[in-house]
Amino acid sequence: MAIKSYRIPLYIRVNRLYLRFGIRTLFNILGRVKVAGLENVPSRGPYVIAMNHISIFDPPLVVCFWPRQPEVIGAADVFEKKGQGTLLSLYGVVPVHRGDYDRVLLDKIQAILQQGRPLVIAPEGGRSHEPAMKRAMPGVGYIIEHAQVPVVPVGLVGTTDDFWQRARRGEKPQLEMRIGQPIVFPPITQKGAQRREARQVNADLVMRHIAGLLPEQYHGVYVGQAIQPSSI
């Protein structure tokens, strides 16, 4: 049965106020945060925020410095980890089982976007643990096809696994969130295998736009394919 609406419980809305402020403050204490391209963020309406995913620091950085309060989908197995799982539950992150087809999840994503909310996803499907990007999973292509909303590419720089260790040494690492211009995709009209291929093409196109926001050493499998933004 399709999900008709998406409601955020009051306690989750309250949690988010404290979490966004607290984690944003912590990032500013431990590092030097730079956000570029805020003028590219839609002022209203639904859209997908697609980011490269290096470490556990990526989602909180995007969530806490984004102008609007976004919804987030995250790997279900992370909910089982002490500390990380607690934060995800407190914020109200929507769990996703990687590699599984989940009709309920897809319906929930549709409901989120239909209510005009932004949604954060990591097209790679998980952390790379290194700056170089992995190839996008087809899931983002499926979301693009069915939701028909703009995708805002986000390139994150400096959020490597050693951020916490460097910060504890007093290095104040530089963290950057580079926001690109929204991408609008035409409807997919192909059928069968061609339809699946078109979804992957769209997923790869998102990653190529993200690559254009990042230093070359971050491009990974998309080296030589980056689409440079007109401005950020």
Protein backbone atom coordinates (compact mmCIF):
# COMPACT_ATOMS: atom_id res chain seq x y z
CA MET A 1 0.00 0.00 0.00
CA ALA A 2 1.39 3.41 -0.97
CA ILE A 3 2.20 5.84 1.80
CA LYS A 4 -0.26 8.73 1.55
CA SER A 5 1.62 11.23 3.71
CA TYR A 6 4.83 11.74 5.62
CA ARG A 7 4.56 13.17 9.13
CA ILE A 8 7.41 14.18 11.40
CA PRO A 9 6.64 13.58 15.10
CA LEU A 10 6.89 16.60 17.37
CA TYR A 11 9.75 15.10 19.39
CA ILE A 12 11.77 14.60 16.20
CA ARG A 13 11.20 18.23 15.18
CA VAL A 14 12.43 19.35 18.61
CA ASN A 15 15.42 16.99 18.44
CA ARG A 16 16.42 18.45 15.10
CA LEU A 17 16.54 21.99 16.44
CA TYR A 18 19.05 20.98 19.13
CA LEU A 19 21.01 18.58 16.96
CA ARG A 20 21.49 20.98 14.06
CA PHE A 21 22.61 23.79 16.35
CA GLY A 22 24.82 21.60 18.52
CA ILE A 23 26.59 19.71 15.73
CA ARG A 24 27.03 22.87 13.66
CA THR A 25 28.67 24.54 16.66
CA LEU A 26 30.93 21.50 17.16
CA PHE A 27 32.03 21.54 13.52
CA ASN A 28 32.89 25.25 13.82
CA ILE A 29 34.93 24.61 16.97
CA LEU A 30 36.83 21.60 15.63
CA GLY A 31 37.35 22.75 12.07
CA ARG A 32 37.08 25.61 9.61
CA VAL A 33 33.85 25.24 7.65
CA LYS A 34 33.35 26.91 4.28
CA VAL A 35 30.06 26.75 2.39
CA ALA A 36 29.95 27.90 -1.23
CA GLY A 37 26.99 28.08 -3.59
CA LEU A 38 24.15 28.79 -1.17
CA GLU A 39 22.55 30.88 -3.89
CA ASN A 40 21.96 27.60 -5.78
CA VAL A 41 19.70 26.16 -3.07
CA PRO A 42 16.01 26.32 -4.09
CA SER A 43 14.08 28.55 -1.70
CA ARG A 44 11.04 26.27 -1.74
CA GLY A 45 9.68 23.04 -3.12
CA PRO A 46 11.03 19.49 -3.15
CA TYR A 47 14.45 18.49 -4.43
CA VAL A 48 17.11 15.84 -3.88
CA ILE A 49 20.46 16.78 -2.32
CA ALA A 50 23.07 14.39 -3.77
CA MET A 51 26.47 14.32 -2.07
CA ASN A 52 29.73 12.40 -2.34
CA HIS A 53 30.18 10.17 0.70
CA ILE A 54 33.64 9.70 2.21
CA SER A 55 33.00 9.26 5.94
CA ILE A 56 30.52 9.51 8.80
CA PHE A 57 31.10 13.28 8.88
CA ASP A 58 29.39 13.94 5.52
CA PRO A 59 25.67 13.65 6.40
CA PRO A 60 25.84 15.77 9.59
CA LEU A 61 27.87 18.44 7.78
CA VAL A 62 25.24 18.75 5.04
CA VAL A 63 22.27 18.52 7.40
CA CYS A 64 23.57 21.09 9.90
CA PHE A 65 24.74 23.71 7.39
CA TRP A 66 21.86 23.36 4.91
CA PRO A 67 19.53 26.42 4.92
CA ARG A 68 16.43 24.23 5.12
CA GLN A 69 15.89 21.25 7.39
CA PRO A 70 16.30 18.25 5.08
CA GLU A 71 15.09 14.69 5.38
CA VAL A 72 17.77 11.99 5.19
CA ILE A 73 17.95 8.35 4.18
CA GLY A 74 20.71 6.26 5.74
CA ALA A 75 21.94 2.68 5.77
CA ALA A 76 19.95 0.48 8.15
CA ASP A 77 23.07 -1.24 9.50
CA VAL A 78 24.38 2.07 10.87
CA PHE A 79 21.40 2.21 13.24
CA GLU A 80 22.92 -0.78 15.05
CA LYS A 81 26.16 1.08 15.85
CA LYS A 82 26.48 2.71 19.24
CA GLY A 83 26.46 6.50 19.07
CA GLN A 84 25.87 6.76 15.32
CA GLY A 85 22.62 4.82 15.52
CA THR A 86 21.40 6.99 18.37
CA LEU A 87 22.02 10.19 16.43
CA LEU A 88 20.26 8.82 13.36
CA SER A 89 17.23 7.83 15.42
CA LEU A 90 17.12 11.18 17.23
CA TYR A 91 17.11 13.04 13.91
CA GLY A 92 14.54 10.74 12.32
CA VAL A 93 16.70 9.37 9.50
CA VAL A 94 14.83 6.98 7.21
CA PRO A 95 16.62 3.58 7.16
CA VAL A 96 17.43 1.91 3.86
CA HIS A 97 18.62 -1.68 3.36
CA ARG A 98 21.40 -1.40 0.83
CA GLY A 99 21.05 -3.60 -2.21
CA ASP A 100 17.42 -4.52 -1.49
CA TYR A 101 14.35 -3.46 -3.43
CA ASP A 102 12.13 -1.76 -0.85
CA ARG A 103 8.73 -0.63 -2.13
CA VAL A 104 7.78 0.89 1.24
CA LEU A 105 10.98 2.96 1.29
CA LEU A 106 10.38 4.21 -2.25
CA ASP A 107 6.82 5.16 -1.36
CA LYS A 108 8.11 7.02 1.70
CA ILE A 109 10.63 8.92 -0.45
CA GLN A 110 7.82 9.86 -2.82
CA ALA A 111 5.71 11.07 0.12
CA ILE A 112 8.59 13.16 1.48
CA LEU A 113 9.14 14.88 -1.85
CA GLN A 114 5.44 15.32 -2.57
CA GLN A 115 5.19 17.32 0.66
CA GLY A 116 7.81 19.74 -0.66
CA ARG A 117 10.73 18.61 1.51
CA PRO A 118 14.39 18.34 0.44
CA LEU A 119 15.94 14.88 0.76
CA VAL A 120 19.63 14.03 1.28
CA ILE A 121 21.01 10.94 -0.44
CA ALA A 122 24.46 9.51 -1.21
CA PRO A 123 24.33 8.06 -4.74
CA GLU A 124 27.38 5.86 -4.06
CA GLY A 125 25.28 3.89 -1.58
CA GLY A 126 27.81 4.05 1.24
CA ARG A 127 31.06 5.53 2.45
CA SER A 128 34.11 5.28 0.21
CA HIS A 129 36.60 5.83 3.11
CA GLU A 130 38.80 7.68 0.63
CA PRO A 131 38.35 10.91 -1.34
CA ALA A 132 38.04 9.13 -4.72
CA MET A 133 34.38 8.60 -5.64
CA LYS A 134 32.85 5.22 -6.39
CA ARG A 135 30.30 4.64 -9.12
CA ALA A 136 26.73 5.63 -8.31
CA MET A 137 24.20 2.95 -7.53
CA PRO A 138 21.10 2.99 -9.78
CA GLY A 139 18.82 3.93 -6.84
CA VAL A 140 19.23 7.66 -7.35
CA GLY A 141 18.27 7.17 -10.99
CA TYR A 142 15.08 5.43 -9.89
CA ILE A 143 14.24 8.30 -7.53
CA ILE A 144 14.91 10.84 -10.28
CA GLU A 145 12.63 8.96 -12.67
CA HIS A 146 9.68 8.66 -10.32
CA ALA A 147 9.90 11.88 -8.30
CA GLN A 148 10.68 14.25 -11.20
CA VAL A 149 12.26 16.83 -8.91
CA PRO A 150 15.52 18.77 -9.32
CA VAL A 151 18.76 17.30 -7.99
CA VAL A 152 21.17 19.65 -6.21
CA PRO A 153 24.74 18.29 -6.43
CA VAL A 154 26.96 18.79 -3.38
CA GLY A 155 30.71 18.26 -3.28
CA LEU A 156 32.27 17.72 0.14
CA VAL A 157 35.99 18.30 0.68
CA GLY A 158 38.05 17.49 3.77
CA THR A 159 35.60 15.11 5.46
CA THR A 160 38.08 12.23 5.57
CA ASP A 161 38.06 9.51 8.24
CA ASP A 162 40.95 11.20 10.08
CA PHE A 163 39.05 14.48 10.62
CA TRP A 164 38.40 13.75 14.31
CA GLN A 165 42.02 12.78 15.02
CA ARG A 166 43.33 15.89 13.27
CA ALA A 167 40.84 18.10 15.09
CA ARG A 168 41.86 16.66 18.46
CA ARG A 169 45.45 17.64 17.67
CA GLY A 170 44.25 21.21 17.22
CA GLU A 171 44.80 21.34 13.46
CA LYS A 172 41.35 22.87 12.71
CA PRO A 173 40.95 20.99 9.39
CA GLN A 174 39.28 22.79 6.50
CA LEU A 175 35.85 21.39 5.60
CA GLU A 176 34.10 22.56 2.46
CA MET A 177 30.56 22.10 1.20
CA ARG A 178 30.28 23.17 -2.44
CA ILE A 179 26.73 23.42 -3.76
CA GLY A 180 26.09 23.24 -7.48
CA GLN A 181 23.17 24.42 -9.56
CA PRO A 182 20.05 22.22 -9.60
CA ILE A 183 19.88 19.60 -12.35
CA VAL A 184 16.53 18.95 -14.03
CA PHE A 185 16.11 15.61 -15.80
CA PRO A 186 13.68 14.87 -18.64
CA PRO A 187 11.26 11.95 -18.18
CA ILE A 188 12.54 8.47 -19.05
CA THR A 189 10.55 7.03 -21.92
CA GLN A 190 12.52 3.84 -22.58
CA LYS A 191 11.28 0.40 -21.54
CA GLY A 192 12.86 -2.72 -20.06
CA ALA A 193 16.64 -2.96 -20.11
CA GLN A 194 16.94 0.42 -21.82
CA ARG A 195 14.96 1.98 -18.97
CA ARG A 196 17.39 0.51 -16.42
CA GLU A 197 20.32 1.78 -18.46
CA ALA A 198 18.77 5.27 -18.58
CA ARG A 199 18.48 5.28 -14.77
CA GLN A 200 22.18 4.46 -14.46
CA VAL A 201 23.04 7.17 -17.00
CA ASN A 202 21.15 9.70 -14.86
CA ALA A 203 22.85 8.45 -11.68
CA ASP A 204 26.24 8.81 -13.36
CA LEU A 205 25.30 12.27 -14.60
CA VAL A 206 24.61 13.37 -11.02
CA MET A 207 28.06 12.11 -9.98
CA ARG A 208 29.71 13.90 -12.90
CA HIS A 209 28.16 17.16 -11.69
CA ILE A 210 29.40 16.42 -8.16
CA ALA A 211 32.87 15.69 -9.58
CA GLY A 212 32.84 19.13 -11.19
CA LEU A 213 32.60 20.65 -7.71
CA LEU A 214 35.54 18.65 -6.35
CA PRO A 215 39.35 18.61 -6.71
CA GLU A 216 40.59 16.14 -9.33
CA GLN A 217 41.87 13.66 -6.73
CA TYR A 218 38.26 13.21 -5.59
CA HIS A 219 36.94 12.20 -9.04
CA GLY A 220 37.68 8.47 -8.70
CA VAL A 221 35.83 6.44 -11.34
CA TYR A 222 34.58 9.71 -12.86
CA VAL A 223 38.05 11.03 -13.70
CA GLY A 224 37.94 12.83 -17.03
CA GLN A 225 34.11 12.99 -16.90
CA ALA A 226 33.52 15.93 -14.53
CA ILE A 227 30.98 18.53 -15.60
CA GLN A 228 32.27 21.90 -14.51
CA PRO A 229 29.72 24.28 -12.99
CA SER A 230 29.19 27.70 -14.50
CA SER A 231 29.54 29.10 -10.96
CA ILE A 232 29.30 28.08 -7.31
